[in-house]
Amino acid sequence: MTRSVVLPLGEVRFRTSRSSGPGGQHAQKSETRVEAVFDVEASEALTEAQKRRVVSRAGPVLRAIAQDERSQLRNRDLALERLVERLREALRVERKRVPTKPTAAARKRRLEQKRRRSAMKRLRRPPDE
């Protein structure tokens, strides 16, 4: 999943149910909707610091649902991908922004654009009488 975290499939619970929407005889009988559930606090793959970060950002239980495809196996893969993406997003550490000053060239460009805009607006004015 990430460089430091591997999500073991044994820690992910899958639940199936009937998918919503139209679909005829096949959809009425088969359980193709898949819900992947990952209990963050019970995980052995995450360190304590990672668990705290995920719980604070995404909650103690991560869920992902897929009912896009007709196949339960394909929906299972989609749900797992979505779950991994949620976990990856919750684990991501925001980099601290380093404030910078605009370069001299950028300041010059900005002022030149302001001068051009001002001149254009001046030309739009009605002539003085």
Protein backbone atom coordinates (compact mmCIF):
# COMPACT_ATOMS: atom_id res chain seq x y z
CA MET A 1 0.00 0.00 0.00
CA THR A 2 2.61 2.57 1.06
CA ARG A 3 6.33 2.27 1.64
CA SER A 4 5.86 1.64 5.34
CA VAL A 5 2.40 0.03 5.52
CA VAL A 6 1.05 -3.15 3.99
CA LEU A 7 -2.65 -3.85 4.51
CA PRO A 8 -3.14 -7.56 5.28
CA LEU A 9 -6.30 -8.99 3.70
CA GLY A 10 -6.99 -10.86 6.93
CA GLU A 11 -7.75 -7.55 8.68
CA VAL A 12 -10.34 -6.50 6.08
CA ARG A 13 -13.88 -7.86 6.50
CA PHE A 14 -16.08 -8.16 3.42
CA ARG A 15 -19.88 -8.12 3.56
CA THR A 16 -22.07 -8.76 0.56
CA SER A 17 -25.66 -7.79 -0.10
CA ARG A 18 -28.00 -7.30 -3.01
CA SER A 19 -27.18 -4.34 -5.16
CA SER A 20 -29.72 -1.56 -5.55
CA GLY A 21 -31.30 -0.41 -8.78
CA PRO A 22 -32.67 -2.22 -11.82
CA GLY A 23 -31.10 -5.36 -13.20
CA GLY A 24 -33.72 -7.99 -13.88
CA GLN A 25 -33.65 -11.55 -12.65
CA HIS A 26 -29.89 -11.74 -12.09
CA ALA A 27 -29.72 -8.68 -9.81
CA GLN A 28 -32.71 -9.79 -7.76
CA LYS A 29 -31.00 -13.03 -6.75
CA SER A 30 -27.26 -12.40 -6.49
CA GLU A 31 -25.41 -10.50 -3.80
CA THR A 32 -23.00 -8.41 -5.87
CA ARG A 33 -22.74 -5.32 -3.63
CA VAL A 34 -19.57 -5.54 -1.52
CA GLU A 35 -18.70 -3.54 1.58
CA ALA A 36 -15.09 -3.63 2.78
CA VAL A 37 -14.62 -2.78 6.46
CA PHE A 38 -11.26 -2.13 8.15
CA ASP A 39 -11.03 -1.72 11.93
CA VAL A 40 -8.17 0.73 12.44
CA GLU A 41 -7.82 0.30 16.21
CA ALA A 42 -7.65 -3.51 16.00
CA SER A 43 -5.06 -3.48 13.21
CA GLU A 44 -1.64 -4.99 13.78
CA ALA A 45 -0.24 -3.56 10.54
CA LEU A 46 -0.32 0.05 11.75
CA THR A 47 1.86 1.63 14.41
CA GLU A 48 0.24 3.54 17.26
CA ALA A 49 1.12 6.90 15.69
CA GLN A 50 -0.40 5.82 12.37
CA LYS A 51 -3.54 4.59 14.13
CA ARG A 52 -3.93 7.96 15.89
CA ARG A 53 -3.51 9.82 12.60
CA VAL A 54 -6.07 7.65 10.76
CA VAL A 55 -8.60 7.78 13.61
CA SER A 56 -8.34 11.57 13.86
CA ARG A 57 -8.77 12.04 10.11
CA ALA A 58 -11.09 9.23 9.01
CA GLY A 59 -12.50 7.63 12.16
CA PRO A 60 -11.94 4.30 13.93
CA VAL A 61 -13.52 2.20 11.15
CA LEU A 62 -12.91 2.68 7.43
CA ARG A 63 -15.60 1.53 4.99
CA ALA A 64 -15.72 1.31 1.22
CA ILE A 65 -18.69 0.14 -0.83
CA ALA A 66 -18.75 -1.00 -4.44
CA GLN A 67 -21.80 -1.97 -6.45
CA ASP A 68 -20.67 -0.71 -9.86
CA GLU A 69 -20.18 -4.07 -11.57
CA ARG A 70 -22.33 -7.16 -12.03
CA SER A 71 -19.57 -9.38 -10.68
CA GLN A 72 -19.11 -9.76 -6.93
CA LEU A 73 -15.40 -10.44 -7.44
CA ARG A 74 -14.90 -7.23 -9.43
CA ASN A 75 -16.88 -5.24 -6.83
CA ARG A 76 -14.72 -6.78 -4.11
CA ASP A 77 -11.58 -5.55 -5.89
CA LEU A 78 -13.10 -2.08 -6.35
CA ALA A 79 -14.11 -1.88 -2.67
CA LEU A 80 -10.60 -2.92 -1.62
CA GLU A 81 -9.03 -0.30 -3.92
CA ARG A 82 -11.28 2.40 -2.45
CA LEU A 83 -10.49 1.29 1.09
CA VAL A 84 -6.75 1.39 0.42
CA GLU A 85 -7.10 4.85 -1.14
CA ARG A 86 -8.96 6.12 1.96
CA LEU A 87 -6.32 4.68 4.26
CA ARG A 88 -3.51 6.12 2.13
CA GLU A 89 -5.16 9.55 2.19
CA ALA A 90 -5.62 9.40 5.98
CA LEU A 91 -1.98 8.39 6.50
CA ARG A 92 -0.55 11.10 4.24
CA VAL A 93 1.46 13.68 6.18
CA GLU A 94 0.95 17.25 5.01
CA ARG A 95 4.20 19.00 4.27
CA LYS A 96 4.75 22.28 6.06
CA ARG A 97 4.59 25.17 3.62
CA VAL A 98 7.75 27.23 3.42
CA PRO A 99 6.75 30.85 2.83
CA THR A 100 8.63 32.48 -0.03
CA LYS A 101 8.78 35.97 -1.50
CA PRO A 102 7.93 36.67 -5.14
CA THR A 103 10.94 36.95 -7.40
CA ALA A 104 11.98 40.29 -8.89
CA ALA A 105 10.86 39.10 -12.33
CA ALA A 106 7.43 38.14 -10.96
CA ARG A 107 7.02 41.56 -9.34
CA LYS A 108 8.06 43.25 -12.59
CA ARG A 109 5.56 41.13 -14.61
CA ARG A 110 2.74 41.94 -12.18
CA LEU A 111 3.36 45.68 -12.32
CA GLU A 112 3.65 45.60 -16.13
CA GLN A 113 0.29 43.78 -16.37
CA LYS A 114 -1.27 46.38 -14.07
CA ARG A 115 0.07 49.18 -16.27
CA ARG A 116 -1.28 47.53 -19.44
CA ARG A 117 -4.69 46.95 -17.86
CA SER A 118 -4.81 50.55 -16.64
CA ALA A 119 -3.95 51.86 -20.09
CA MET A 120 -6.62 49.71 -21.71
CA LYS A 121 -9.27 50.95 -19.28
CA ARG A 122 -8.13 54.52 -19.81
CA LEU A 123 -8.68 54.10 -23.58
CA ARG A 124 -12.25 52.90 -22.96
CA ARG A 125 -13.24 56.11 -21.19
CA PRO A 126 -15.27 58.65 -23.10
CA PRO A 127 -13.18 61.53 -24.40
CA ASP A 128 -13.01 64.64 -22.22
CA GLU A 129 -14.89 67.64 -23.70
